[in-house]
């Protein structure tokens, strides 16, 4: 599921355009990473960029492992120079996830 979400995000032309507009450079592929962000990209000049990380993967209906359904929770973190830079990008990510019948939860801002 995390690779599927990564693929959906990087192929969304509106999202790519929004990220390029904030970055003020044209990048064909947005800087979207899974788990680790390469050190060379952990710079303010590269912002905005995203990281997808797994939070939980488990059966959703039964605790004995017999469920045919599962729950997969992951985080999409957006790093930017300011809240203004990432707000509209985050709204687009929420639109994409909800269009796939996903559920989004908000989290208060915190220093990472």
C-alpha atoms as a PDB file:
ATOM      1  CA  UNK A   1       0.000   0.000   0.000  1.00  0.00           C
ATOM      2  CA  UNK A   2       2.767   2.508   0.731  1.00  0.00           C
ATOM      3  CA  UNK A   3       4.290   2.008  -2.731  1.00  0.00           C
ATOM      4  CA  UNK A   4       0.836   2.404  -4.271  1.00  0.00           C
ATOM      5  CA  UNK A   5       0.368   5.722  -2.458  1.00  0.00           C
ATOM      6  CA  UNK A   6       3.866   6.847  -3.470  1.00  0.00           C
ATOM      7  CA  UNK A   7       3.007   6.074  -7.094  1.00  0.00           C
ATOM      8  CA  UNK A   8      -0.330   7.924  -6.912  1.00  0.00           C
ATOM      9  CA  UNK A   9       1.269  11.021  -5.393  1.00  0.00           C
ATOM     10  CA  UNK A  10       4.186  11.228  -7.809  1.00  0.00           C
ATOM     11  CA  UNK A  11       1.922  10.794 -10.857  1.00  0.00           C
ATOM     12  CA  UNK A  12      -0.533  13.526  -9.867  1.00  0.00           C
ATOM     13  CA  UNK A  13       0.223  16.425 -12.221  1.00  0.00           C
ATOM     14  CA  UNK A  14      -1.479  18.997  -9.999  1.00  0.00           C
ATOM     15  CA  UNK A  15       0.584  17.961  -6.972  1.00  0.00           C
ATOM     16  CA  UNK A  16       3.836  17.964  -8.967  1.00  0.00           C
ATOM     17  CA  UNK A  17       3.004  21.420 -10.318  1.00  0.00           C
ATOM     18  CA  UNK A  18       2.224  22.764  -6.833  1.00  0.00           C
ATOM     19  CA  UNK A  19       5.501  21.439  -5.428  1.00  0.00           C
ATOM     20  CA  UNK A  20       7.482  22.892  -8.351  1.00  0.00           C
ATOM     21  CA  UNK A  21       5.768  26.257  -7.925  1.00  0.00           C
ATOM     22  CA  UNK A  22       6.780  26.464  -4.265  1.00  0.00           C
ATOM     23  CA  UNK A  23      10.317  25.216  -5.033  1.00  0.00           C
ATOM     24  CA  UNK A  24      10.567  27.643  -7.977  1.00  0.00           C
ATOM     25  CA  UNK A  25      12.214  24.958 -10.109  1.00  0.00           C
ATOM     26  CA  UNK A  26      10.854  22.443 -12.546  1.00  0.00           C
ATOM     27  CA  UNK A  27      11.294  18.897 -11.345  1.00  0.00           C
ATOM     28  CA  UNK A  28       9.625  16.155 -13.402  1.00  0.00           C
ATOM     29  CA  UNK A  29       9.401  13.838 -10.389  1.00  0.00           C
ATOM     30  CA  UNK A  30       8.450  15.359  -7.025  1.00  0.00           C
ATOM     31  CA  UNK A  31      10.714  14.659  -4.083  1.00  0.00           C
ATOM     32  CA  UNK A  32       8.617  11.966  -2.410  1.00  0.00           C
ATOM     33  CA  UNK A  33      10.455   9.370  -0.360  1.00  0.00           C
ATOM     34  CA  UNK A  34       9.535   6.250   1.555  1.00  0.00           C
ATOM     35  CA  UNK A  35      10.945   5.796   5.042  1.00  0.00           C
ATOM     36  CA  UNK A  36      14.277   7.661   4.684  1.00  0.00           C
ATOM     37  CA  UNK A  37      15.086  10.946   2.992  1.00  0.00           C
ATOM     38  CA  UNK A  38      18.581  10.883   1.466  1.00  0.00           C
ATOM     39  CA  UNK A  39      20.882  13.228   3.361  1.00  0.00           C
ATOM     40  CA  UNK A  40      21.705  15.242   0.241  1.00  0.00           C
ATOM     41  CA  UNK A  41      18.001  16.189  -0.042  1.00  0.00           C
ATOM     42  CA  UNK A  42      17.506  17.160   3.611  1.00  0.00           C
ATOM     43  CA  UNK A  43      18.149  20.802   2.770  1.00  0.00           C
ATOM     44  CA  UNK A  44      15.906  23.847   2.821  1.00  0.00           C
ATOM     45  CA  UNK A  45      16.685  24.495  -0.853  1.00  0.00           C
ATOM     46  CA  UNK A  46      15.047  21.180  -1.797  1.00  0.00           C
ATOM     47  CA  UNK A  47      11.778  21.937   0.033  1.00  0.00           C
ATOM     48  CA  UNK A  48       9.022  21.020  -0.313  1.00  0.00           C
ATOM     49  CA  UNK A  49       9.508  17.279  -0.125  1.00  0.00           C
ATOM     50  CA  UNK A  50       7.516  14.416   1.378  1.00  0.00           C
ATOM     51  CA  UNK A  51       8.110  11.236   3.319  1.00  0.00           C
ATOM     52  CA  UNK A  52       5.732   8.286   3.555  1.00  0.00           C
ATOM     53  CA  UNK A  53       6.172   6.082   6.620  1.00  0.00           C
ATOM     54  CA  UNK A  54       4.274   3.090   7.948  1.00  0.00           C
ATOM     55  CA  UNK A  55       2.448   3.517  11.234  1.00  0.00           C
ATOM     56  CA  UNK A  56       0.576   0.206  11.552  1.00  0.00           C
ATOM     57  CA  UNK A  57      -0.236  -2.847   9.474  1.00  0.00           C
ATOM     58  CA  UNK A  58      -2.597  -5.401  10.987  1.00  0.00           C
ATOM     59  CA  UNK A  59      -5.863  -7.255  10.821  1.00  0.00           C
ATOM     60  CA  UNK A  60      -8.815  -4.933  11.146  1.00  0.00           C
ATOM     61  CA  UNK A  61     -11.595  -7.254  12.263  1.00  0.00           C
ATOM     62  CA  UNK A  62     -10.196 -10.139  14.289  1.00  0.00           C
ATOM     63  CA  UNK A  63      -7.412 -10.260  16.834  1.00  0.00           C
ATOM     64  CA  UNK A  64      -6.622 -13.915  16.119  1.00  0.00           C
ATOM     65  CA  UNK A  65      -5.156 -13.234  12.677  1.00  0.00           C
ATOM     66  CA  UNK A  66      -8.052 -14.910  10.874  1.00  0.00           C
ATOM     67  CA  UNK A  67      -9.405 -11.771   9.272  1.00  0.00           C
ATOM     68  CA  UNK A  68      -9.363 -11.391   5.518  1.00  0.00           C
ATOM     69  CA  UNK A  69      -9.274  -7.628   5.955  1.00  0.00           C
ATOM     70  CA  UNK A  70      -6.447  -5.520   7.201  1.00  0.00           C
ATOM     71  CA  UNK A  71      -5.836  -1.997   8.316  1.00  0.00           C
ATOM     72  CA  UNK A  72      -2.828  -0.162   6.997  1.00  0.00           C
ATOM     73  CA  UNK A  73      -1.969   3.200   8.507  1.00  0.00           C
ATOM     74  CA  UNK A  74       0.752   5.413   7.142  1.00  0.00           C
ATOM     75  CA  UNK A  75       1.842   9.022   7.441  1.00  0.00           C
ATOM     76  CA  UNK A  76       2.454  11.472   4.627  1.00  0.00           C
ATOM     77  CA  UNK A  77       4.769  14.123   6.032  1.00  0.00           C
ATOM     78  CA  UNK A  78       5.380  17.303   4.055  1.00  0.00           C
ATOM     79  CA  UNK A  79       8.500  19.317   4.780  1.00  0.00           C
ATOM     80  CA  UNK A  80       8.675  22.926   3.655  1.00  0.00           C
ATOM     81  CA  UNK A  81      10.147  26.304   4.446  1.00  0.00           C
ATOM     82  CA  UNK A  82       6.888  27.561   5.965  1.00  0.00           C
ATOM     83  CA  UNK A  83       3.354  26.448   6.791  1.00  0.00           C
ATOM     84  CA  UNK A  84       2.092  28.587   3.921  1.00  0.00           C
ATOM     85  CA  UNK A  85       4.291  26.630   1.507  1.00  0.00           C
ATOM     86  CA  UNK A  86       2.882  23.248   2.461  1.00  0.00           C
ATOM     87  CA  UNK A  87      -0.755  23.985   3.341  1.00  0.00           C
ATOM     88  CA  UNK A  88      -2.183  23.758  -0.195  1.00  0.00           C
ATOM     89  CA  UNK A  89       0.081  20.787  -0.971  1.00  0.00           C
ATOM     90  CA  UNK A  90      -1.297  18.952   2.070  1.00  0.00           C
ATOM     91  CA  UNK A  91      -4.861  19.766   1.021  1.00  0.00           C
ATOM     92  CA  UNK A  92      -4.169  18.167  -2.380  1.00  0.00           C
ATOM     93  CA  UNK A  93      -2.744  15.051  -0.695  1.00  0.00           C
ATOM     94  CA  UNK A  94      -5.909  14.780   1.434  1.00  0.00           C
ATOM     95  CA  UNK A  95      -8.069  15.116  -1.717  1.00  0.00           C
ATOM     96  CA  UNK A  96      -6.150  12.285  -3.387  1.00  0.00           C
ATOM     97  CA  UNK A  97      -6.370   9.958  -0.391  1.00  0.00           C
ATOM     98  CA  UNK A  98     -10.073  10.639   0.152  1.00  0.00           C
ATOM     99  CA  UNK A  99     -10.786  10.079  -3.566  1.00  0.00           C
ATOM    100  CA  UNK A 100      -9.523   6.512  -2.992  1.00  0.00           C
ATOM    101  CA  UNK A 101     -11.866   6.069  -0.004  1.00  0.00           C
ATOM    102  CA  UNK A 102      -8.990   6.607   2.396  1.00  0.00           C
ATOM    103  CA  UNK A 103      -9.422   8.334   5.725  1.00  0.00           C
ATOM    104  CA  UNK A 104      -7.181  11.195   6.804  1.00  0.00           C
ATOM    105  CA  UNK A 105      -6.433  12.185  10.375  1.00  0.00           C
ATOM    106  CA  UNK A 106      -5.034  15.553  11.345  1.00  0.00           C
ATOM    107  CA  UNK A 107      -2.107  15.929  13.666  1.00  0.00           C
ATOM    108  CA  UNK A 108      -1.086  19.025  15.555  1.00  0.00           C
ATOM    109  CA  UNK A 109       2.081  20.708  14.399  1.00  0.00           C
ATOM    110  CA  UNK A 110       5.194  19.554  16.182  1.00  0.00           C
ATOM    111  CA  UNK A 111       8.907  19.888  15.746  1.00  0.00           C
ATOM    112  CA  UNK A 112      10.442  16.768  14.171  1.00  0.00           C
END
